[in-house]
Amino acid sequence: MPFKKVDRYRIVTLVPPEYVESILQGVVKVNPLLYGKYSKVAYQSEEGIEQFVPLEGSNATKGEINKLYKGKSVRIEFSIDKNDKILEKVIQEGIMKNHPWEEPVIIISEVWETRKK
């Protein structure tokens, strides 16, 4: 088989462009984002549009209650070793602490990879 399941998590979050560097720096303080013989390995998309409607009781950083908000957003992706303690620190100290949204989108999945040895 040319690919295999590995003991890593893939983490994705969406963030306004002006917060990309602070989130990546926060994550690297917790985990060096190693992949093979490389560190600080991460992906950033071009700017896209993120949308949401802040509901009653929310503490929205941007937008108004019950009105659609659309703003620029960048997708950040990176992988870490599959370790739940490290995952918790990356999420809490790397992303949540540096992310402007009250409830940021964070997607965590297992990894299948194809990598030359």
PDB file of N, CA and C in Angstrom:
ATOM      1  N   MET A   1       0.850  -1.191   0.000  1.00  0.00           N
ATOM      2  CA  MET A   1       0.000   0.000   0.000  1.00  0.00           C
ATOM      3  C   MET A   1       0.888   1.243   0.000  1.00  0.00           C
ATOM      4  N   PRO A   2       0.639   2.223  -0.864  1.00  0.00           N
ATOM      5  CA  PRO A   2       1.500   3.412  -0.950  1.00  0.00           C
ATOM      6  C   PRO A   2       1.272   4.427   0.172  1.00  0.00           C
ATOM      7  N   PHE A   3       0.283   4.193   1.019  1.00  0.00           N
ATOM      8  CA  PHE A   3       0.057   5.112   2.130  1.00  0.00           C
ATOM      9  C   PHE A   3      -0.335   4.309   3.356  1.00  0.00           C
ATOM     10  N   LYS A   4      -0.181   4.928   4.510  1.00  0.00           N
ATOM     11  CA  LYS A   4      -0.494   4.223   5.749  1.00  0.00           C
ATOM     12  C   LYS A   4      -1.046   5.199   6.779  1.00  0.00           C
ATOM     13  N   LYS A   5      -1.794   4.649   7.719  1.00  0.00           N
ATOM     14  CA  LYS A   5      -2.301   5.444   8.832  1.00  0.00           C
ATOM     15  C   LYS A   5      -1.143   5.628   9.803  1.00  0.00           C
ATOM     16  N   VAL A   6      -0.975   6.850  10.290  1.00  0.00           N
ATOM     17  CA  VAL A   6       0.124   7.138  11.206  1.00  0.00           C
ATOM     18  C   VAL A   6      -0.428   7.714  12.508  1.00  0.00           C
ATOM     19  N   ASP A   7       0.375   7.690  13.534  1.00  0.00           N
ATOM     20  CA  ASP A   7      -0.043   8.192  14.842  1.00  0.00           C
ATOM     21  C   ASP A   7       0.136   9.712  14.915  1.00  0.00           C
ATOM     22  N   ARG A   8      -0.673  10.415  14.135  1.00  0.00           N
ATOM     23  CA  ARG A   8      -0.628  11.873  14.105  1.00  0.00           C
ATOM     24  C   ARG A   8      -2.043  12.420  14.013  1.00  0.00           C
ATOM     25  N   TYR A   9      -2.199  13.638  14.489  1.00  0.00           N
ATOM     26  CA  TYR A   9      -3.433  14.379  14.302  1.00  0.00           C
ATOM     27  C   TYR A   9      -3.195  15.478  13.270  1.00  0.00           C
ATOM     28  N   ARG A  10      -4.196  15.759  12.475  1.00  0.00           N
ATOM     29  CA  ARG A  10      -4.174  16.906  11.563  1.00  0.00           C
ATOM     30  C   ARG A  10      -5.151  17.912  12.142  1.00  0.00           C
ATOM     31  N   ILE A  11      -4.687  19.125  12.353  1.00  0.00           N
ATOM     32  CA  ILE A  11      -5.500  20.171  12.965  1.00  0.00           C
ATOM     33  C   ILE A  11      -5.686  21.295  11.961  1.00  0.00           C
ATOM     34  N   VAL A  12      -6.933  21.738  11.835  1.00  0.00           N
ATOM     35  CA  VAL A  12      -7.296  22.804  10.913  1.00  0.00           C
ATOM     36  C   VAL A  12      -8.078  23.852  11.691  1.00  0.00           C
ATOM     37  N   THR A  13      -7.790  25.114  11.445  1.00  0.00           N
ATOM     38  CA  THR A  13      -8.595  26.189  12.008  1.00  0.00           C
ATOM     39  C   THR A  13      -8.701  27.317  10.984  1.00  0.00           C
ATOM     40  N   LEU A  14      -9.744  28.092  11.108  1.00  0.00           N
ATOM     41  CA  LEU A  14      -9.972  29.259  10.253  1.00  0.00           C
ATOM     42  C   LEU A  14      -9.787  30.498  11.105  1.00  0.00           C
ATOM     43  N   VAL A  15      -9.110  31.512  10.559  1.00  0.00           N
ATOM     44  CA  VAL A  15      -8.764  32.676  11.363  1.00  0.00           C
ATOM     45  C   VAL A  15      -8.654  33.918  10.483  1.00  0.00           C
ATOM     46  N   PRO A  16      -9.021  35.087  11.010  1.00  0.00           N
ATOM     47  CA  PRO A  16      -8.787  36.320  10.247  1.00  0.00           C
ATOM     48  C   PRO A  16      -7.286  36.459   9.961  1.00  0.00           C
ATOM     49  N   PRO A  17      -6.937  36.986   8.782  1.00  0.00           N
ATOM     50  CA  PRO A  17      -5.526  37.050   8.364  1.00  0.00           C
ATOM     51  C   PRO A  17      -4.587  37.695   9.377  1.00  0.00           C
ATOM     52  N   GLU A  18      -5.039  38.709  10.079  1.00  0.00           N
ATOM     53  CA  GLU A  18      -4.157  39.408  11.017  1.00  0.00           C
ATOM     54  C   GLU A  18      -3.790  38.575  12.252  1.00  0.00           C
ATOM     55  N   TYR A  19      -4.413  37.403  12.432  1.00  0.00           N
ATOM     56  CA  TYR A  19      -4.119  36.542  13.583  1.00  0.00           C
ATOM     57  C   TYR A  19      -3.318  35.292  13.213  1.00  0.00           C
ATOM     58  N   VAL A  20      -3.013  35.106  11.944  1.00  0.00           N
ATOM     59  CA  VAL A  20      -2.311  33.898  11.505  1.00  0.00           C
ATOM     60  C   VAL A  20      -0.981  33.737  12.237  1.00  0.00           C
ATOM     61  N   GLU A  21      -0.147  34.757  12.239  1.00  0.00           N
ATOM     62  CA  GLU A  21       1.185  34.639  12.845  1.00  0.00           C
ATOM     63  C   GLU A  21       1.120  34.403  14.345  1.00  0.00           C
ATOM     64  N   SER A  22       0.211  35.072  15.046  1.00  0.00           N
ATOM     65  CA  SER A  22       0.139  34.863  16.503  1.00  0.00           C
ATOM     66  C   SER A  22      -0.319  33.446  16.829  1.00  0.00           C
ATOM     67  N   ILE A  23      -1.213  32.891  16.027  1.00  0.00           N
ATOM     68  CA  ILE A  23      -1.640  31.509  16.269  1.00  0.00           C
ATOM     69  C   ILE A  23      -0.499  30.544  15.971  1.00  0.00           C
ATOM     70  N   LEU A  24       0.172  30.708  14.835  1.00  0.00           N
ATOM     71  CA  LEU A  24       1.283  29.811  14.522  1.00  0.00           C
ATOM     72  C   LEU A  24       2.401  29.914  15.565  1.00  0.00           C
ATOM     73  N   GLN A  25       2.713  31.119  16.012  1.00  0.00           N
ATOM     74  CA  GLN A  25       3.730  31.277  17.065  1.00  0.00           C
ATOM     75  C   GLN A  25       3.285  30.617  18.364  1.00  0.00           C
ATOM     76  N   GLY A  26       2.005  30.766  18.707  1.00  0.00           N
ATOM     77  CA  GLY A  26       1.480  30.129  19.916  1.00  0.00           C
ATOM     78  C   GLY A  26       1.557  28.616  19.845  1.00  0.00           C
ATOM     79  N   VAL A  27       1.245  28.057  18.681  1.00  0.00           N
ATOM     80  CA  VAL A  27       1.307  26.603  18.505  1.00  0.00           C
ATOM     81  C   VAL A  27       2.750  26.116  18.598  1.00  0.00           C
ATOM     82  N   VAL A  28       3.674  26.824  17.944  1.00  0.00           N
ATOM     83  CA  VAL A  28       5.080  26.406  17.943  1.00  0.00           C
ATOM     84  C   VAL A  28       5.694  26.493  19.342  1.00  0.00           C
ATOM     85  N   LYS A  29       5.193  27.379  20.196  1.00  0.00           N
ATOM     86  CA  LYS A  29       5.676  27.432  21.586  1.00  0.00           C
ATOM     87  C   LYS A  29       5.348  26.131  22.319  1.00  0.00           C
ATOM     88  N   VAL A  30       4.244  25.500  21.931  1.00  0.00           N
ATOM     89  CA  VAL A  30       3.790  24.261  22.573  1.00  0.00           C
ATOM     90  C   VAL A  30       4.354  23.031  21.865  1.00  0.00           C
ATOM     91  N   ASN A  31       4.466  23.095  20.528  1.00  0.00           N
ATOM     92  CA  ASN A  31       4.890  21.954  19.727  1.00  0.00           C
ATOM     93  C   ASN A  31       5.659  22.473  18.506  1.00  0.00           C
ATOM     94  N   PRO A  32       6.832  21.906  18.206  1.00  0.00           N
ATOM     95  CA  PRO A  32       7.650  22.437  17.115  1.00  0.00           C
ATOM     96  C   PRO A  32       7.129  22.137  15.702  1.00  0.00           C
ATOM     97  N   LEU A  33       6.011  21.417  15.589  1.00  0.00           N
ATOM     98  CA  LEU A  33       5.427  21.058  14.289  1.00  0.00           C
ATOM     99  C   LEU A  33       6.450  20.351  13.402  1.00  0.00           C
ATOM    100  N   LEU A  34       6.983  19.254  13.941  1.00  0.00           N
ATOM    101  CA  LEU A  34       7.972  18.463  13.213  1.00  0.00           C
ATOM    102  C   LEU A  34       7.305  17.548  12.199  1.00  0.00           C
ATOM    103  N   TYR A  35       7.955  17.386  11.057  1.00  0.00           N
ATOM    104  CA  TYR A  35       7.547  16.428  10.043  1.00  0.00           C
ATOM    105  C   TYR A  35       8.814  15.962   9.355  1.00  0.00           C
ATOM    106  N   GLY A  36       9.190  14.725   9.633  1.00  0.00           N
ATOM    107  CA  GLY A  36      10.456  14.231   9.101  1.00  0.00           C
ATOM    108  C   GLY A  36      11.600  15.075   9.615  1.00  0.00           C
ATOM    109  N   LYS A  37      12.393  15.626   8.725  1.00  0.00           N
ATOM    110  CA  LYS A  37      13.558  16.434   9.090  1.00  0.00           C
ATOM    111  C   LYS A  37      13.270  17.926   8.996  1.00  0.00           C
ATOM    112  N   TYR A  38      11.993  18.305   9.186  1.00  0.00           N
ATOM    113  CA  TYR A  38      11.590  19.703   9.082  1.00  0.00           C
ATOM    114  C   TYR A  38      10.808  20.111  10.329  1.00  0.00           C
ATOM    115  N   SER A  39      10.920  21.389  10.700  1.00  0.00           N
ATOM    116  CA  SER A  39      10.134  21.921  11.809  1.00  0.00           C
ATOM    117  C   SER A  39       9.281  23.080  11.307  1.00  0.00           C
ATOM    118  N   LYS A  40       8.338  23.515  12.129  1.00  0.00           N
ATOM    119  CA  LYS A  40       7.421  24.612  11.803  1.00  0.00           C
ATOM    120  C   LYS A  40       6.665  24.343  10.492  1.00  0.00           C
ATOM    121  N   VAL A  41       6.292  23.087  10.284  1.00  0.00           N
ATOM    122  CA  VAL A  41       5.601  22.685   9.061  1.00  0.00           C
ATOM    123  C   VAL A  41       4.104  22.982   9.212  1.00  0.00           C
ATOM    124  N   ALA A  42       3.595  23.885   8.397  1.00  0.00           N
ATOM    125  CA  ALA A  42       2.190  24.281   8.445  1.00  0.00           C
ATOM    126  C   ALA A  42       1.760  24.774   7.071  1.00  0.00           C
ATOM    127  N   TYR A  43       0.464  24.812   6.867  1.00  0.00           N
ATOM    128  CA  TYR A  43      -0.115  25.282   5.615  1.00  0.00           C
ATOM    129  C   TYR A  43      -1.008  26.473   5.905  1.00  0.00           C
ATOM    130  N   GLN A  44      -0.958  27.469   5.029  1.00  0.00           N
ATOM    131  CA  GLN A  44      -1.867  28.619   5.096  1.00  0.00           C
ATOM    132  C   GLN A  44      -2.493  28.797   3.728  1.00  0.00           C
ATOM    133  N   SER A  45      -3.796  28.936   3.697  1.00  0.00           N
ATOM    134  CA  SER A  45      -4.472  29.175   2.427  1.00  0.00           C
ATOM    135  C   SER A  45      -4.401  30.650   2.067  1.00  0.00           C
ATOM    136  N   GLU A  46      -4.838  30.957   0.873  1.00  0.00           N
ATOM    137  CA  GLU A  46      -5.089  32.341   0.504  1.00  0.00           C
ATOM    138  C   GLU A  46      -6.321  32.799   1.279  1.00  0.00           C
ATOM    139  N   GLU A  47      -6.572  34.080   1.292  1.00  0.00           N
ATOM    140  CA  GLU A  47      -7.750  34.590   1.987  1.00  0.00           C
ATOM    141  C   GLU A  47      -9.023  34.120   1.306  1.00  0.00           C
ATOM    142  N   GLY A  48      -9.977  33.746   2.123  1.00  0.00           N
ATOM    143  CA  GLY A  48     -11.306  33.390   1.667  1.00  0.00           C
ATOM    144  C   GLY A  48     -12.303  34.171   2.502  1.00  0.00           C
ATOM    145  N   ILE A  49     -13.551  33.766   2.463  1.00  0.00           N
ATOM    146  CA  ILE A  49     -14.596  34.443   3.225  1.00  0.00           C
ATOM    147  C   ILE A  49     -15.204  33.467   4.226  1.00  0.00           C
ATOM    148  N   GLU A  50     -15.257  33.882   5.466  1.00  0.00           N
ATOM    149  CA  GLU A  50     -15.894  33.119   6.535  1.00  0.00           C
ATOM    150  C   GLU A  50     -17.180  33.858   6.888  1.00  0.00           C
ATOM    151  N   GLN A  51     -18.220  33.109   7.228  1.00  0.00           N
ATOM    152  CA  GLN A  51     -19.469  33.771   7.594  1.00  0.00           C
ATOM    153  C   GLN A  51     -20.084  33.121   8.817  1.00  0.00           C
ATOM    154  N   PHE A  52     -20.846  33.913   9.572  1.00  0.00           N
ATOM    155  CA  PHE A  52     -21.592  33.408  10.721  1.00  0.00           C
ATOM    156  C   PHE A  52     -22.603  34.450  11.158  1.00  0.00           C
ATOM    157  N   VAL A  53     -23.563  33.994  11.957  1.00  0.00           N
ATOM    158  CA  VAL A  53     -24.564  34.878  12.556  1.00  0.00           C
ATOM    159  C   VAL A  53     -24.413  34.757  14.069  1.00  0.00           C
ATOM    160  N   PRO A  54     -23.967  35.798  14.756  1.00  0.00           N
ATOM    161  CA  PRO A  54     -23.906  35.748  16.215  1.00  0.00           C
ATOM    162  C   PRO A  54     -25.337  35.661  16.788  1.00  0.00           C
ATOM    163  N   LEU A  55     -25.571  34.669  17.618  1.00  0.00           N
ATOM    164  CA  LEU A  55     -26.894  34.487  18.209  1.00  0.00           C
ATOM    165  C   LEU A  55     -26.993  35.178  19.562  1.00  0.00           C
ATOM    166  N   GLU A  56     -28.197  35.363  20.015  1.00  0.00           N
ATOM    167  CA  GLU A  56     -28.459  35.988  21.318  1.00  0.00           C
ATOM    168  C   GLU A  56     -27.639  35.279  22.395  1.00  0.00           C
ATOM    169  N   GLY A  57     -26.958  36.049  23.229  1.00  0.00           N
ATOM    170  CA  GLY A  57     -26.139  35.479  24.300  1.00  0.00           C
ATOM    171  C   GLY A  57     -24.690  35.264  23.907  1.00  0.00           C
ATOM    172  N   SER A  58     -24.368  35.404  22.624  1.00  0.00           N
ATOM    173  CA  SER A  58     -22.973  35.242  22.206  1.00  0.00           C
ATOM    174  C   SER A  58     -22.186  36.507  22.542  1.00  0.00           C
ATOM    175  N   ASN A  59     -20.890  36.349  22.586  1.00  0.00           N
ATOM    176  CA  ASN A  59     -19.984  37.467  22.843  1.00  0.00           C
ATOM    177  C   ASN A  59     -19.100  37.639  21.604  1.00  0.00           C
ATOM    178  N   ALA A  60     -19.719  37.998  20.493  1.00  0.00           N
ATOM    179  CA  ALA A  60     -19.028  38.042  19.203  1.00  0.00           C
ATOM    180  C   ALA A  60     -17.984  39.150  19.150  1.00  0.00           C
ATOM    181  N   THR A  61     -16.803  38.801  18.651  1.00  0.00           N
ATOM    182  CA  THR A  61     -15.737  39.771  18.445  1.00  0.00           C
ATOM    183  C   THR A  61     -16.088  40.705  17.291  1.00  0.00           C
ATOM    184  N   LYS A  62     -16.728  40.148  16.267  1.00  0.00           N
ATOM    185  CA  LYS A  62     -17.153  40.920  15.094  1.00  0.00           C
ATOM    186  C   LYS A  62     -18.603  40.561  14.798  1.00  0.00           C
ATOM    187  N   GLY A  63     -19.288  41.456  14.116  1.00  0.00           N
ATOM    188  CA  GLY A  63     -20.669  41.190  13.726  1.00  0.00           C
ATOM    189  C   GLY A  63     -21.659  41.663  14.776  1.00  0.00           C
ATOM    190  N   GLU A  64     -22.931  41.593  14.402  1.00  0.00           N
ATOM    191  CA  GLU A  64     -24.020  42.014  15.279  1.00  0.00           C
ATOM    192  C   GLU A  64     -24.972  40.851  15.510  1.00  0.00           C
ATOM    193  N   ILE A  65     -25.595  40.819  16.672  1.00  0.00           N
ATOM    194  CA  ILE A  65     -26.537  39.761  17.034  1.00  0.00           C
ATOM    195  C   ILE A  65     -27.600  39.625  15.938  1.00  0.00           C
ATOM    196  N   ASN A  66     -27.812  38.381  15.521  1.00  0.00           N
ATOM    197  CA  ASN A  66     -28.825  37.991  14.532  1.00  0.00           C
ATOM    198  C   ASN A  66     -28.619  38.589  13.137  1.00  0.00           C
ATOM    199  N   LYS A  67     -27.408  39.041  12.827  1.00  0.00           N
ATOM    200  CA  LYS A  67     -27.110  39.554  11.487  1.00  0.00           C
ATOM    201  C   LYS A  67     -25.924  38.783  10.914  1.00  0.00           C
ATOM    202  N   LEU A  68     -26.022  38.447   9.629  1.00  0.00           N
ATOM    203  CA  LEU A  68     -24.958  37.707   8.963  1.00  0.00           C
ATOM    204  C   LEU A  68     -23.697  38.554   8.882  1.00  0.00           C
ATOM    205  N   TYR A  69     -22.599  37.974   9.332  1.00  0.00           N
ATOM    206  CA  TYR A  69     -21.282  38.619   9.228  1.00  0.00           C
ATOM    207  C   TYR A  69     -20.467  37.828   8.206  1.00  0.00           C
ATOM    208  N   LYS A  70     -19.784  38.532   7.321  1.00  0.00           N
ATOM    209  CA  LYS A  70     -18.843  37.917   6.389  1.00  0.00           C
ATOM    210  C   LYS A  70     -17.526  38.672   6.502  1.00  0.00           C
ATOM    211  N   GLY A  71     -16.430  37.924   6.642  1.00  0.00           N
ATOM    212  CA  GLY A  71     -15.125  38.557   6.759  1.00  0.00           C
ATOM    213  C   GLY A  71     -14.033  37.678   6.185  1.00  0.00           C
ATOM    214  N   LYS A  72     -12.883  38.281   5.943  1.00  0.00           N
ATOM    215  CA  LYS A  72     -11.745  37.552   5.397  1.00  0.00           C
ATOM    216  C   LYS A  72     -11.263  36.515   6.400  1.00  0.00           C
ATOM    217  N   SER A  73     -10.827  35.373   5.877  1.00  0.00           N
ATOM    218  CA  SER A  73     -10.378  34.277   6.720  1.00  0.00           C
ATOM    219  C   SER A  73      -9.295  33.490   6.001  1.00  0.00           C
ATOM    220  N   VAL A  74      -8.395  32.902   6.776  1.00  0.00           N
ATOM    221  CA  VAL A  74      -7.321  32.058   6.264  1.00  0.00           C
ATOM    222  C   VAL A  74      -7.440  30.697   6.952  1.00  0.00           C
ATOM    223  N   ARG A  75      -7.210  29.651   6.185  1.00  0.00           N
ATOM    224  CA  ARG A  75      -7.213  28.289   6.730  1.00  0.00           C
ATOM    225  C   ARG A  75      -5.775  27.942   7.107  1.00  0.00           C
ATOM    226  N   ILE A  76      -5.579  27.498   8.348  1.00  0.00           N
ATOM    227  CA  ILE A  76      -4.275  27.047   8.821  1.00  0.00           C
ATOM    228  C   ILE A  76      -4.379  25.549   9.099  1.00  0.00           C
ATOM    229  N   GLU A  77      -3.390  24.786   8.647  1.00  0.00           N
ATOM    230  CA  GLU A  77      -3.344  23.338   8.886  1.00  0.00           C
ATOM    231  C   GLU A  77      -1.948  22.936   9.327  1.00  0.00           C
ATOM    232  N   PHE A  78      -1.899  21.957  10.228  1.00  0.00           N
ATOM    233  CA  PHE A  78      -0.624  21.392  10.648  1.00  0.00           C
ATOM    234  C   PHE A  78      -0.869  20.033  11.286  1.00  0.00           C
ATOM    235  N   SER A  79       0.202  19.258  11.464  1.00  0.00           N
ATOM    236  CA  SER A  79       0.118  17.937  12.078  1.00  0.00           C
ATOM    237  C   SER A  79       0.960  17.882  13.333  1.00  0.00           C
ATOM    238  N   ILE A  80       0.498  17.080  14.284  1.00  0.00           N
ATOM    239  CA  ILE A  80       1.271  16.826  15.507  1.00  0.00           C
ATOM    240  C   ILE A  80       1.209  15.329  15.805  1.00  0.00           C
ATOM    241  N   ASP A  81       2.154  14.848  16.620  1.00  0.00           N
ATOM    242  CA  ASP A  81       2.103  13.458  17.054  1.00  0.00           C
ATOM    243  C   ASP A  81       0.800  13.202  17.793  1.00  0.00           C
ATOM    244  N   LYS A  82       0.294  11.997  17.684  1.00  0.00           N
ATOM    245  CA  LYS A  82      -0.978  11.639  18.316  1.00  0.00           C
ATOM    246  C   LYS A  82      -0.746  11.418  19.816  1.00  0.00           C
ATOM    247  N   ASN A  83      -0.929  12.499  20.558  1.00  0.00           N
ATOM    248  CA  ASN A  83      -0.755  12.503  22.008  1.00  0.00           C
ATOM    249  C   ASN A  83      -1.812  13.464  22.552  1.00  0.00           C
ATOM    250  N   ASP A  84      -2.759  12.955  23.311  1.00  0.00           N
ATOM    251  CA  ASP A  84      -3.883  13.776  23.750  1.00  0.00           C
ATOM    252  C   ASP A  84      -3.479  14.923  24.676  1.00  0.00           C
ATOM    253  N   LYS A  85      -2.431  14.749  25.466  1.00  0.00           N
ATOM    254  CA  LYS A  85      -1.971  15.847  26.324  1.00  0.00           C
ATOM    255  C   LYS A  85      -1.400  16.995  25.484  1.00  0.00           C
ATOM    256  N   ILE A  86      -0.601  16.631  24.476  1.00  0.00           N
ATOM    257  CA  ILE A  86      -0.046  17.648  23.580  1.00  0.00           C
ATOM    258  C   ILE A  86      -1.176  18.297  22.778  1.00  0.00           C
ATOM    259  N   LEU A  87      -2.112  17.495  22.312  1.00  0.00           N
ATOM    260  CA  LEU A  87      -3.253  18.020  21.558  1.00  0.00           C
ATOM    261  C   LEU A  87      -4.006  19.058  22.383  1.00  0.00           C
ATOM    262  N   GLU A  88      -4.282  18.755  23.631  1.00  0.00           N
ATOM    263  CA  GLU A  88      -4.994  19.687  24.510  1.00  0.00           C
ATOM    264  C   GLU A  88      -4.228  20.999  24.664  1.00  0.00           C
ATOM    265  N   LYS A  89      -2.900  20.920  24.853  1.00  0.00           N
ATOM    266  CA  LYS A  89      -2.085  22.135  24.980  1.00  0.00           C
ATOM    267  C   LYS A  89      -2.067  22.942  23.684  1.00  0.00           C
ATOM    268  N   VAL A  90      -1.946  22.256  22.552  1.00  0.00           N
ATOM    269  CA  VAL A  90      -1.941  22.949  21.261  1.00  0.00           C
ATOM    270  C   VAL A  90      -3.259  23.689  21.062  1.00  0.00           C
ATOM    271  N   ILE A  91      -4.370  23.016  21.375  1.00  0.00           N
ATOM    272  CA  ILE A  91      -5.688  23.640  21.205  1.00  0.00           C
ATOM    273  C   ILE A  91      -5.865  24.816  22.166  1.00  0.00           C
ATOM    274  N   GLN A  92      -5.612  24.588  23.452  1.00  0.00           N
ATOM    275  CA  GLN A  92      -5.865  25.620  24.466  1.00  0.00           C
ATOM    276  C   GLN A  92      -4.851  26.763  24.413  1.00  0.00           C
ATOM    277  N   GLU A  93      -3.557  26.417  24.452  1.00  0.00           N
ATOM    278  CA  GLU A  93      -2.515  27.443  24.553  1.00  0.00           C
ATOM    279  C   GLU A  93      -2.076  27.993  23.196  1.00  0.00           C
ATOM    280  N   GLY A  94      -2.132  27.160  22.165  1.00  0.00           N
ATOM    281  CA  GLY A  94      -1.693  27.605  20.856  1.00  0.00           C
ATOM    282  C   GLY A  94      -2.773  28.306  20.062  1.00  0.00           C
ATOM    283  N   ILE A  95      -3.977  27.696  20.036  1.00  0.00           N
ATOM    284  CA  ILE A  95      -5.048  28.256  19.211  1.00  0.00           C
ATOM    285  C   ILE A  95      -6.009  29.122  20.024  1.00  0.00           C
ATOM    286  N   MET A  96      -6.694  28.552  21.008  1.00  0.00           N
ATOM    287  CA  MET A  96      -7.748  29.286  21.731  1.00  0.00           C
ATOM    288  C   MET A  96      -7.224  30.583  22.364  1.00  0.00           C
ATOM    289  N   LYS A  97      -6.062  30.530  22.946  1.00  0.00           N
ATOM    290  CA  LYS A  97      -5.476  31.700  23.610  1.00  0.00           C
ATOM    291  C   LYS A  97      -5.176  32.836  22.624  1.00  0.00           C
ATOM    292  N   ASN A  98      -4.940  32.501  21.360  1.00  0.00           N
ATOM    293  CA  ASN A  98      -4.536  33.488  20.359  1.00  0.00           C
ATOM    294  C   ASN A  98      -5.588  33.774  19.296  1.00  0.00           C
ATOM    295  N   HIS A  99      -6.701  33.091  19.358  1.00  0.00           N
ATOM    296  CA  HIS A  99      -7.751  33.232  18.343  1.00  0.00           C
ATOM    297  C   HIS A  99      -8.766  34.281  18.786  1.00  0.00           C
ATOM    298  N   PRO A 100      -9.217  35.155  17.879  1.00  0.00           N
ATOM    299  CA  PRO A 100     -10.147  36.212  18.282  1.00  0.00           C
ATOM    300  C   PRO A 100     -11.588  35.747  18.493  1.00  0.00           C
ATOM    301  N   TRP A 101     -11.972  34.609  17.908  1.00  0.00           N
ATOM    302  CA  TRP A 101     -13.378  34.198  18.012  1.00  0.00           C
ATOM    303  C   TRP A 101     -13.680  33.521  19.344  1.00  0.00           C
ATOM    304  N   GLU A 102     -14.886  33.728  19.811  1.00  0.00           N
ATOM    305  CA  GLU A 102     -15.373  33.094  21.043  1.00  0.00           C
ATOM    306  C   GLU A 102     -15.407  31.570  20.889  1.00  0.00           C
ATOM    307  N   GLU A 103     -15.837  31.093  19.720  1.00  0.00           N
ATOM    308  CA  GLU A 103     -15.915  29.665  19.424  1.00  0.00           C
ATOM    309  C   GLU A 103     -15.293  29.392  18.051  1.00  0.00           C
ATOM    310  N   PRO A 104     -13.958  29.343  17.979  1.00  0.00           N
ATOM    311  CA  PRO A 104     -13.325  29.116  16.676  1.00  0.00           C
ATOM    312  C   PRO A 104     -13.596  27.710  16.141  1.00  0.00           C
ATOM    313  N   VAL A 105     -13.662  27.609  14.823  1.00  0.00           N
ATOM    314  CA  VAL A 105     -13.769  26.305  14.183  1.00  0.00           C
ATOM    315  C   VAL A 105     -12.398  25.641  14.280  1.00  0.00           C
ATOM    316  N   ILE A 106     -12.359  24.450  14.878  1.00  0.00           N
ATOM    317  CA  ILE A 106     -11.127  23.668  14.969  1.00  0.00           C
ATOM    318  C   ILE A 106     -11.494  22.241  14.576  1.00  0.00           C
ATOM    319  N   ILE A 107     -10.860  21.740  13.533  1.00  0.00           N
ATOM    320  CA  ILE A 107     -11.133  20.392  13.038  1.00  0.00           C
ATOM    321  C   ILE A 107      -9.914  19.529  13.338  1.00  0.00           C
ATOM    322  N   ILE A 108     -10.147  18.382  13.961  1.00  0.00           N
ATOM    323  CA  ILE A 108      -9.064  17.468  14.314  1.00  0.00           C
ATOM    324  C   ILE A 108      -9.363  16.125  13.660  1.00  0.00           C
ATOM    325  N   SER A 109      -8.405  15.598  12.910  1.00  0.00           N
ATOM    326  CA  SER A 109      -8.614  14.304  12.261  1.00  0.00           C
ATOM    327  C   SER A 109      -7.346  13.465  12.353  1.00  0.00           C
ATOM    328  N   GLU A 110      -7.528  12.142  12.138  1.00  0.00           N
ATOM    329  CA  GLU A 110      -6.379  11.253  12.090  1.00  0.00           C
ATOM    330  C   GLU A 110      -5.736  11.377  10.715  1.00  0.00           C
ATOM    331  N   VAL A 111      -4.488  10.940  10.605  1.00  0.00           N
ATOM    332  CA  VAL A 111      -3.713  11.181   9.388  1.00  0.00           C
ATOM    333  C   VAL A 111      -3.362   9.877   8.677  1.00  0.00           C
ATOM    334  N   TRP A 112      -3.544   9.912   7.368  1.00  0.00           N
ATOM    335  CA  TRP A 112      -2.989   8.915   6.455  1.00  0.00           C
ATOM    336  C   TRP A 112      -1.945   9.673   5.654  1.00  0.00           C
ATOM    337  N   GLU A 113      -0.792   9.103   5.469  1.00  0.00           N
ATOM    338  CA  GLU A 113       0.223   9.870   4.751  1.00  0.00           C
ATOM    339  C   GLU A 113       0.936   9.047   3.702  1.00  0.00           C
ATOM    340  N   THR A 114       1.464   9.748   2.763  1.00  0.00           N
ATOM    341  CA  THR A 114       2.392   9.177   1.787  1.00  0.00           C
ATOM    342  C   THR A 114       3.652  10.021   1.911  1.00  0.00           C
ATOM    343  N   ARG A 115       4.713   9.393   2.303  1.00  0.00           N
ATOM    344  CA  ARG A 115       5.964  10.125   2.485  1.00  0.00           C
ATOM    345  C   ARG A 115       7.122   9.257   2.039  1.00  0.00           C
ATOM    346  N   LYS A 116       8.009   9.839   1.275  1.00  0.00           N
ATOM    347  CA  LYS A 116       9.207   9.112   0.868  1.00  0.00           C
ATOM    348  C   LYS A 116      10.084   8.909   2.091  1.00  0.00           C
ATOM    349  N   LYS A 117      10.686   7.789   2.191  1.00  0.00           N
ATOM    350  CA  LYS A 117      11.575   7.523   3.334  1.00  0.00           C
ATOM    351  C   LYS A 117      13.000   7.835   2.970  1.00  0.00           C
TER     352      LYS A 117
END
